[in-house]
Amino acid sequence: MTTQYLDLFSRLIEGSDGGKRDFLEIGRLAGRFPAASLCDSEDTDGINVWCSNDYLGMGQHPAVLEAMKEAVDKYGAGAGGSRNIGGTNHYHVLLEKELAALHGKDDALLFTSGFTANDGALSIIAGRMEGCVVFSDALNHASIIDGLRHSRAEKRIFRHNDTAHLEELLAAADPDVPKLIVAESVYSMNGDIAPLPEIADLAKRYGAMTYLDEVHAVGMYGPEGAGIAARHGIADDFTVIMGTLAKGFGTTGGYIAGPTEVIEAVRMFSRSFIFTTALPPAVAAAALAAVRHLRSSDAEREQLWSNAQLMKGLLNERRIPFISDQTHIVSVLVRDEALCKHMSALLLDRHGIYVQAINAPSVRVGEEILRVAPGAVHTADEVRGFVDALDQVWEQLGADRLPHGTIK
């Protein structure tokens, strides 16, 4: 490759709003998480992880690990092919049935990731309804944006969680064209919750189909961990529910659940489903064990919420700002990229605490955060220790605090 082409990529990297991304190599210690080792250190119990999406610790749960080991011993490491060509294992079928039952839907379909689930499903659902107009929340995930882009459907973007704006856009659309409303239930960076009852009501009034991304809610909220819509008792009002196996369920993969006709259309035409190797059977077996466990156990959800509430109360006491008190996601608001990275580095170096600094494009420039995820595996004493450490770093670096008397 000639120098001029390499120079183009160098300028691309240098001109990025978010700067170069550094990746910390860690080894999550099986059975001892949130403890983890740094892969460049001889200390085998060096850090405590506070930014994992394995919110409930199911990636370390004995039943999940045992299910995976048994499946590996029986079926080997990989699926061996796409779902169409030699890659469908009985664990895939069992998991799809379990996920459909979890959400009270006719059918479900597995994808290799949450990203490919949104991209692959929306490209078909929005793209194969002739004349479809899509109404999408302004803060929807990149995978939703890509799926809608690939669908080539006409889009209307409504302001984040603004149902008045959504109704304005719905009312202005041709009443005879197909309509699709796309939203997330829990927004991963802000940690806020969509007004699902209002969205469901608007969908009924304007005859719109609905697609709800519950990635940061499945496992954690609602009866049996079925999500925010289920918590409201309105899961039936959302045509398709999309979820992941990589967060609350602790493994990897994504899925959609919905009417048989919709699921079958996606199964038949989605490129990201058809043209990729299936999830390894062992992953499907582990995910199945996690889903089944969380459908029968509330203990993990209760511990998660208790830790999140404790942390937010302590942050309020120290006047350290965070964005939302609605969910388990604690986005500590720093508003400065360099300061955010410095805080993350000091927490790791001095306190053995790993929490990732989040910058553009994951958040807008000037809205940088420490995205903290107190999990079900943390203890109350660890939560207190984390806030003490953050308070020390906050003071040392002179970061802005909330005014006295300000409570989130």
Protein backbone atom coordinates (compact mmCIF):
# COMPACT_ATOMS: atom_id res chain seq x y z
CA MET A 1 0.00 0.00 0.00
CA THR A 2 1.42 3.39 -0.96
CA THR A 3 2.25 6.09 1.58
CA GLN A 4 -0.54 8.36 0.33
CA TYR A 5 -3.18 5.82 1.35
CA LEU A 6 -1.63 5.28 4.77
CA ASP A 7 -1.58 9.06 5.23
CA LEU A 8 -5.33 9.15 4.55
CA PHE A 9 -5.97 6.74 7.41
CA SER A 10 -3.57 8.60 9.70
CA ARG A 11 -5.49 11.82 9.11
CA LEU A 12 -8.77 9.97 9.70
CA ILE A 13 -7.52 8.77 13.10
CA GLU A 14 -6.11 12.17 14.08
CA GLY A 15 -9.31 13.96 13.07
CA SER A 16 -11.61 11.72 15.11
CA ASP A 17 -13.70 13.58 17.72
CA GLY A 18 -13.23 10.78 20.22
CA GLY A 19 -9.47 10.34 19.75
CA LYS A 20 -7.65 7.02 19.69
CA ARG A 21 -9.33 4.19 21.59
CA ASP A 22 -7.30 2.17 24.06
CA PHE A 23 -8.39 -1.30 25.17
CA LEU A 24 -7.62 -2.67 28.61
CA GLU A 25 -6.85 -6.39 28.56
CA ILE A 26 -8.50 -8.11 31.51
CA GLY A 27 -9.22 -11.67 32.54
CA ARG A 28 -12.57 -12.03 34.30
CA LEU A 29 -11.95 -14.68 36.93
CA ALA A 30 -14.50 -17.50 36.66
CA GLY A 31 -16.50 -17.85 39.84
CA ARG A 32 -14.91 -14.75 41.37
CA PHE A 33 -16.25 -11.94 39.19
CA PRO A 34 -16.22 -8.90 39.55
CA ALA A 35 -12.61 -9.74 40.35
CA ALA A 36 -10.39 -9.73 37.29
CA SER A 37 -6.72 -9.89 36.45
CA LEU A 38 -4.83 -7.48 34.26
CA CYS A 39 -3.35 -9.52 31.45
CA ASP A 40 -0.01 -7.69 31.59
CA SER A 41 0.34 -8.20 35.34
CA GLU A 42 1.47 -11.09 37.54
CA ASP A 43 -1.20 -10.15 40.08
CA THR A 44 -3.98 -12.68 39.53
CA ASP A 45 -6.55 -10.75 41.57
CA GLY A 46 -5.66 -7.23 40.64
CA ILE A 47 -8.82 -5.27 39.86
CA ASN A 48 -12.53 -4.95 40.47
CA VAL A 49 -14.67 -4.42 37.36
CA TRP A 50 -17.42 -1.76 37.44
CA CYS A 51 -18.36 -1.37 33.79
CA SER A 52 -19.38 -4.85 32.66
CA ASN A 53 -22.63 -5.46 30.82
CA ASP A 54 -22.83 -8.86 32.53
CA TYR A 55 -25.13 -7.05 34.94
CA LEU A 56 -26.38 -10.10 36.84
CA GLY A 57 -23.18 -12.15 36.77
CA MET A 58 -24.80 -14.90 34.73
CA GLY A 59 -21.63 -15.29 32.67
CA GLN A 60 -20.11 -16.72 35.85
CA HIS A 61 -23.13 -18.62 37.20
CA PRO A 62 -22.41 -22.30 37.98
CA ALA A 63 -25.49 -23.55 36.08
CA VAL A 64 -24.48 -21.57 33.00
CA LEU A 65 -20.87 -22.76 33.10
CA GLU A 66 -21.94 -26.36 33.58
CA ALA A 67 -24.38 -26.20 30.66
CA MET A 68 -21.65 -24.81 28.41
CA LYS A 69 -19.12 -27.46 29.46
CA GLU A 70 -21.58 -30.30 28.86
CA ALA A 71 -22.46 -28.95 25.41
CA VAL A 72 -18.80 -28.58 24.44
CA ASP A 73 -18.10 -32.15 25.51
CA LYS A 74 -21.07 -33.39 23.48
CA TYR A 75 -21.02 -31.16 20.38
CA GLY A 76 -17.58 -29.52 20.22
CA ALA A 77 -16.58 -25.89 19.95
CA GLY A 78 -18.39 -24.53 16.91
CA ALA A 79 -21.69 -24.83 15.05
CA GLY A 80 -20.02 -25.94 11.82
CA GLY A 81 -22.11 -23.87 9.47
CA SER A 82 -24.91 -21.39 8.98
CA ARG A 83 -28.36 -22.16 10.35
CA ASN A 84 -29.45 -23.13 6.81
CA ILE A 85 -26.49 -25.38 6.09
CA GLY A 86 -25.62 -27.82 8.85
CA GLY A 87 -25.43 -25.29 11.69
CA THR A 88 -28.77 -25.72 13.48
CA ASN A 89 -28.41 -27.60 16.75
CA HIS A 90 -31.24 -28.64 19.07
CA TYR A 91 -30.03 -26.06 21.61
CA HIS A 92 -30.77 -23.29 19.08
CA VAL A 93 -34.33 -24.56 18.73
CA LEU A 94 -34.83 -24.92 22.49
CA LEU A 95 -33.47 -21.43 23.13
CA GLU A 96 -35.71 -19.84 20.51
CA LYS A 97 -38.74 -21.53 22.07
CA GLU A 98 -37.69 -20.35 25.54
CA LEU A 99 -37.24 -16.76 24.37
CA ALA A 100 -40.60 -16.74 22.59
CA ALA A 101 -42.23 -18.00 25.80
CA LEU A 102 -40.39 -15.41 27.90
CA HIS A 103 -41.90 -12.59 25.85
CA GLY A 104 -45.28 -14.22 25.20
CA LYS A 105 -44.69 -14.25 21.44
CA ASP A 106 -45.36 -16.87 18.77
CA ASP A 107 -41.77 -17.37 17.70
CA ALA A 108 -38.20 -16.13 18.09
CA LEU A 109 -35.05 -16.07 16.00
CA LEU A 110 -31.41 -16.12 17.13
CA PHE A 111 -28.65 -13.97 15.68
CA THR A 112 -24.93 -14.02 16.41
CA SER A 113 -25.08 -10.61 18.14
CA GLY A 114 -27.49 -7.91 19.18
CA PHE A 115 -26.06 -5.67 16.48
CA THR A 116 -26.74 -8.16 13.71
CA ALA A 117 -30.21 -8.82 15.14
CA ASN A 118 -31.22 -5.17 14.82
CA ASP A 119 -29.48 -4.69 11.50
CA GLY A 120 -30.80 -7.89 9.99
CA ALA A 121 -34.34 -7.70 11.34
CA LEU A 122 -35.02 -4.03 10.65
CA SER A 123 -33.60 -4.20 7.13
CA ILE A 124 -36.36 -6.72 6.35
CA ILE A 125 -39.22 -5.51 8.56
CA ALA A 126 -38.95 -1.90 7.41
CA GLY A 127 -37.58 -2.67 3.96
CA ARG A 128 -40.10 -5.26 2.76
CA MET A 129 -43.26 -3.26 3.62
CA GLU A 130 -43.80 -1.17 0.51
CA GLY A 131 -43.94 2.55 1.28
CA CYS A 132 -43.14 2.02 4.97
CA VAL A 133 -42.38 5.13 7.03
CA VAL A 134 -40.25 4.52 10.13
CA PHE A 135 -40.43 6.68 13.26
CA SER A 136 -37.20 6.26 15.23
CA ASP A 137 -36.03 7.77 18.51
CA ALA A 138 -33.13 10.20 18.10
CA LEU A 139 -30.92 8.24 20.53
CA ASN A 140 -31.52 4.78 19.09
CA HIS A 141 -28.47 2.52 18.91
CA ALA A 142 -26.09 2.43 15.96
CA SER A 143 -27.36 -1.04 15.03
CA ILE A 144 -30.89 0.33 14.68
CA ILE A 145 -29.61 3.21 12.59
CA ASP A 146 -27.74 0.81 10.32
CA GLY A 147 -30.71 -1.55 10.01
CA LEU A 148 -33.01 1.28 8.98
CA ARG A 149 -30.40 2.63 6.59
CA HIS A 150 -30.10 -0.78 4.96
CA SER A 151 -33.88 -1.06 4.73
CA ARG A 152 -33.99 2.11 2.59
CA ALA A 153 -37.32 2.93 4.20
CA GLU A 154 -38.35 6.54 4.68
CA LYS A 155 -37.42 7.74 8.18
CA ARG A 156 -38.78 10.30 10.63
CA ILE A 157 -36.62 10.93 13.70
CA PHE A 158 -38.45 12.03 16.84
CA ARG A 159 -36.76 13.81 19.72
CA HIS A 160 -35.55 11.47 22.44
CA ASN A 161 -38.49 10.12 24.49
CA ASP A 162 -40.67 12.98 23.20
CA THR A 163 -44.06 11.41 22.50
CA ALA A 164 -45.60 14.78 21.59
CA HIS A 165 -43.09 15.07 18.76
CA LEU A 166 -43.71 11.45 17.79
CA GLU A 167 -47.44 12.11 17.56
CA GLU A 168 -46.82 15.23 15.49
CA LEU A 169 -44.82 13.17 12.99
CA LEU A 170 -47.36 10.34 12.93
CA ALA A 171 -50.23 12.76 12.35
CA ALA A 172 -48.39 14.35 9.42
CA ALA A 173 -47.78 11.01 7.67
CA ASP A 174 -50.05 9.54 5.01
CA PRO A 175 -52.64 7.51 6.97
CA ASP A 176 -52.62 4.79 4.32
CA VAL A 177 -48.90 3.91 4.34
CA PRO A 178 -47.39 1.23 6.63
CA LYS A 179 -45.82 2.73 9.74
CA LEU A 180 -43.18 1.35 12.10
CA ILE A 181 -42.20 2.89 15.46
CA VAL A 182 -38.74 1.89 16.70
CA ALA A 183 -37.52 2.59 20.22
CA GLU A 184 -35.38 1.19 23.00
CA SER A 185 -36.77 0.54 26.47
CA VAL A 186 -33.57 1.35 28.41
CA TYR A 187 -31.04 3.68 26.79
CA SER A 188 -27.58 2.38 27.52
CA MET A 189 -25.63 5.62 27.93
CA ASN A 190 -28.23 7.86 29.61
CA GLY A 191 -29.75 5.05 31.64
CA ASP A 192 -33.25 6.42 31.12
CA ILE A 193 -36.45 4.58 30.19
CA ALA A 194 -38.73 5.20 27.21
CA PRO A 195 -42.37 6.17 27.82
CA LEU A 196 -43.60 2.81 26.55
CA PRO A 197 -47.30 3.13 27.51
CA GLU A 198 -47.56 6.39 25.55
CA ILE A 199 -45.70 4.89 22.57
CA ALA A 200 -47.98 1.86 22.59
CA ASP A 201 -51.05 4.12 22.72
CA LEU A 202 -49.84 6.19 19.76
CA ALA A 203 -49.12 3.03 17.77
CA LYS A 204 -52.72 1.90 18.27
CA ARG A 205 -54.20 5.28 17.38
CA TYR A 206 -52.17 5.67 14.21
CA GLY A 207 -52.12 2.03 13.12
CA ALA A 208 -48.36 1.58 13.47
CA MET A 209 -46.36 -1.59 13.92
CA THR A 210 -43.84 -1.45 16.79
CA TYR A 211 -40.29 -2.71 17.27
CA LEU A 212 -38.85 -2.50 20.79
CA ASP A 213 -35.17 -2.99 21.62
CA GLU A 214 -35.01 -4.36 25.20
CA VAL A 215 -31.28 -5.14 25.15
CA HIS A 216 -30.49 -3.40 28.47
CA ALA A 217 -33.70 -4.62 30.13
CA VAL A 218 -34.09 -8.34 29.42
CA GLY A 219 -33.14 -10.39 32.45
CA MET A 220 -33.14 -7.28 34.68
CA TYR A 221 -36.72 -5.97 34.61
CA GLY A 222 -40.27 -7.24 34.52
CA PRO A 223 -41.78 -10.59 35.49
CA GLU A 224 -39.28 -13.38 34.82
CA GLY A 225 -36.89 -10.77 33.41
CA ALA A 226 -39.03 -10.20 30.30
CA GLY A 227 -38.25 -6.47 30.15
CA ILE A 228 -39.78 -3.04 30.67
CA ALA A 229 -42.81 -3.60 28.42
CA ALA A 230 -43.65 -6.71 30.44
CA ARG A 231 -43.19 -4.72 33.65
CA HIS A 232 -45.90 -2.34 32.40
CA GLY A 233 -48.05 -5.31 31.34
CA ILE A 234 -48.03 -4.14 27.72
CA ALA A 235 -45.63 -6.55 26.00
CA ASP A 236 -48.50 -7.62 23.74
CA ASP A 237 -48.73 -4.04 22.45
CA PHE A 238 -45.27 -4.29 20.87
CA THR A 239 -45.17 -6.31 17.66
CA VAL A 240 -41.52 -7.32 17.84
CA ILE A 241 -39.31 -7.38 20.91
CA MET A 242 -35.58 -7.54 20.37
CA GLY A 243 -33.11 -8.62 23.02
CA THR A 244 -29.59 -9.81 23.65
CA LEU A 245 -28.00 -12.77 25.37
CA ALA A 246 -24.81 -10.79 26.05
CA LYS A 247 -25.90 -8.61 28.97
CA GLY A 248 -28.43 -9.81 31.54
CA PHE A 249 -28.05 -13.38 30.31
CA GLY A 250 -24.26 -13.25 30.42
CA THR A 251 -23.30 -15.01 27.16
CA THR A 252 -23.43 -13.68 23.60
CA GLY A 253 -25.89 -13.38 20.73
CA GLY A 254 -29.07 -11.48 19.90
CA TYR A 255 -32.66 -12.34 19.07
CA ILE A 256 -36.06 -11.08 18.03
CA ALA A 257 -39.42 -12.40 19.22
CA GLY A 258 -42.76 -11.73 17.59
CA PRO A 259 -45.53 -13.03 15.32
CA THR A 260 -44.68 -16.13 13.31
CA GLU A 261 -45.20 -14.30 10.00
CA VAL A 262 -42.69 -11.58 10.88
CA ILE A 263 -40.12 -13.98 12.30
CA GLU A 264 -40.39 -16.26 9.26
CA ALA A 265 -39.92 -13.34 6.86
CA VAL A 266 -36.75 -12.30 8.69
CA ARG A 267 -35.57 -15.93 8.76
CA MET A 268 -36.06 -16.20 5.00
CA PHE A 269 -34.57 -12.89 3.85
CA SER A 270 -32.23 -11.39 6.46
CA ARG A 271 -28.68 -11.38 5.12
CA SER A 272 -27.09 -11.12 8.58
CA PHE A 273 -28.96 -14.27 9.60
CA ILE A 274 -28.54 -16.32 6.43
CA PHE A 275 -24.93 -15.58 5.55
CA THR A 276 -23.17 -16.22 8.85
CA THR A 277 -22.15 -19.16 10.99
CA ALA A 278 -24.61 -20.02 13.76
CA LEU A 279 -23.90 -19.47 17.43
CA PRO A 280 -21.85 -22.34 18.87
CA PRO A 281 -24.18 -24.92 20.47
CA ALA A 282 -22.35 -24.46 23.77
CA VAL A 283 -23.20 -20.76 23.78
CA ALA A 284 -26.84 -21.54 23.05
CA ALA A 285 -26.87 -24.11 25.85
CA ALA A 286 -25.35 -21.63 28.30
CA ALA A 287 -27.81 -18.92 27.29
CA LEU A 288 -30.70 -21.35 27.69
CA ALA A 289 -29.56 -22.13 31.22
CA ALA A 290 -29.30 -18.40 32.02
CA VAL A 291 -32.76 -17.60 30.65
CA ARG A 292 -34.34 -20.48 32.51
CA HIS A 293 -32.63 -19.52 35.77
CA LEU A 294 -33.69 -15.87 35.58
CA ARG A 295 -37.27 -16.80 34.74
CA SER A 296 -37.46 -18.54 38.12
CA SER A 297 -35.22 -16.34 40.29
CA ASP A 298 -35.68 -12.73 41.40
CA ALA A 299 -32.64 -12.69 43.68
CA GLU A 300 -30.23 -11.33 41.06
CA ARG A 301 -32.63 -8.59 39.96
CA GLU A 302 -33.23 -7.51 43.56
CA GLN A 303 -29.50 -7.34 44.31
CA LEU A 304 -28.83 -5.38 41.12
CA TRP A 305 -31.44 -2.76 41.97
CA SER A 306 -30.33 -2.55 45.61
CA ASN A 307 -26.73 -1.85 44.56
CA ALA A 308 -27.77 0.73 41.97
CA GLN A 309 -29.98 2.58 44.46
CA LEU A 310 -27.26 2.52 47.10
CA MET A 311 -24.69 3.91 44.68
CA LYS A 312 -26.94 6.71 43.48
CA GLY A 313 -27.78 7.71 47.03
CA LEU A 314 -24.10 7.87 47.93
CA LEU A 315 -23.30 9.89 44.80
CA ASN A 316 -26.02 12.36 45.75
CA GLU A 317 -24.48 12.70 49.20
CA ARG A 318 -21.10 13.53 47.62
CA ARG A 319 -22.78 15.85 45.06
CA ILE A 320 -21.27 13.88 42.17
CA PRO A 321 -23.55 14.30 39.11
CA PHE A 322 -25.08 11.38 37.25
CA ILE A 323 -27.65 11.34 34.48
CA SER A 324 -30.60 9.13 35.41
CA ASP A 325 -32.05 7.52 38.52
CA GLN A 326 -34.44 5.27 36.56
CA THR A 327 -32.28 2.21 35.94
CA HIS A 328 -29.28 0.16 37.06
CA ILE A 329 -26.97 2.14 34.73
CA VAL A 330 -25.10 4.89 36.59
CA SER A 331 -23.69 7.35 34.07
CA VAL A 332 -21.44 9.70 36.05
CA LEU A 333 -21.37 12.98 34.14
CA VAL A 334 -17.88 14.39 33.58
CA ARG A 335 -18.36 16.46 30.37
CA ASP A 336 -14.66 16.49 29.43
CA GLU A 337 -12.82 13.81 27.46
CA ALA A 338 -9.35 14.32 28.94
CA LEU A 339 -10.69 14.60 32.49
CA CYS A 340 -12.83 11.51 32.04
CA LYS A 341 -9.87 9.45 30.84
CA HIS A 342 -7.71 10.77 33.68
CA MET A 343 -10.34 9.75 36.24
CA SER A 344 -10.54 6.27 34.75
CA ALA A 345 -6.76 5.90 34.85
CA LEU A 346 -6.47 7.07 38.47
CA LEU A 347 -9.25 4.77 39.64
CA LEU A 348 -7.43 1.84 38.05
CA ASP A 349 -3.89 2.74 39.10
CA ARG A 350 -4.60 3.79 42.70
CA HIS A 351 -7.71 1.86 43.66
CA GLY A 352 -7.74 -1.22 41.43
CA ILE A 353 -11.11 -0.12 40.04
CA TYR A 354 -11.85 -0.47 36.35
CA VAL A 355 -14.56 1.76 34.92
CA GLN A 356 -14.38 2.83 31.29
CA ALA A 357 -14.35 6.45 30.18
CA ILE A 358 -16.96 6.91 27.45
CA ASN A 359 -16.36 9.48 24.74
CA ALA A 360 -17.51 10.25 21.18
CA PRO A 361 -19.04 8.67 19.17
CA SER A 362 -20.70 6.64 21.96
CA VAL A 363 -21.79 9.95 23.50
CA ARG A 364 -21.78 13.47 22.09
CA VAL A 365 -18.66 15.61 22.51
CA GLY A 366 -19.03 17.49 25.79
CA GLU A 367 -21.21 14.76 27.32
CA GLU A 368 -18.42 12.36 28.33
CA ILE A 369 -19.24 9.95 31.15
CA LEU A 370 -17.89 7.25 33.38
CA ARG A 371 -20.44 4.54 32.64
CA VAL A 372 -20.67 2.67 35.92
CA ALA A 373 -22.54 -0.62 36.17
CA PRO A 374 -22.93 -1.80 39.76
CA GLY A 375 -23.86 -5.42 39.26
CA ALA A 376 -25.65 -8.10 41.21
CA VAL A 377 -22.23 -9.62 41.95
CA HIS A 378 -20.99 -6.55 43.86
CA THR A 379 -21.46 -6.27 47.60
CA ALA A 380 -22.82 -3.23 49.42
CA ASP A 381 -19.37 -2.66 50.95
CA GLU A 382 -17.82 -2.71 47.47
CA VAL A 383 -20.35 -0.11 46.33
CA ARG A 384 -19.38 2.13 49.25
CA GLY A 385 -15.70 1.60 48.51
CA PHE A 386 -16.22 2.52 44.88
CA VAL A 387 -17.93 5.79 45.74
CA ASP A 388 -15.22 6.62 48.29
CA ALA A 389 -12.55 6.09 45.63
CA LEU A 390 -14.43 8.11 43.02
CA ASP A 391 -14.93 10.93 45.53
CA GLN A 392 -11.19 11.06 46.19
CA VAL A 393 -10.37 11.18 42.48
CA TRP A 394 -13.12 13.74 41.88
CA GLU A 395 -11.65 15.98 44.59
CA GLN A 396 -8.06 15.56 43.44
CA LEU A 397 -8.88 16.54 39.84
CA GLY A 398 -11.14 19.43 40.84
CA ALA A 399 -14.18 18.17 38.95
CA ASP A 400 -17.42 20.12 39.28
CA ARG A 401 -19.91 19.01 41.91
CA LEU A 402 -23.62 19.60 42.15
CA PRO A 403 -24.66 22.67 44.19
CA HIS A 404 -25.47 22.08 47.86
CA GLY A 405 -29.03 20.90 48.35
CA THR A 406 -29.26 19.41 44.84
CA ILE A 407 -30.67 15.89 44.93
CA LYS A 408 -30.99 13.83 41.76
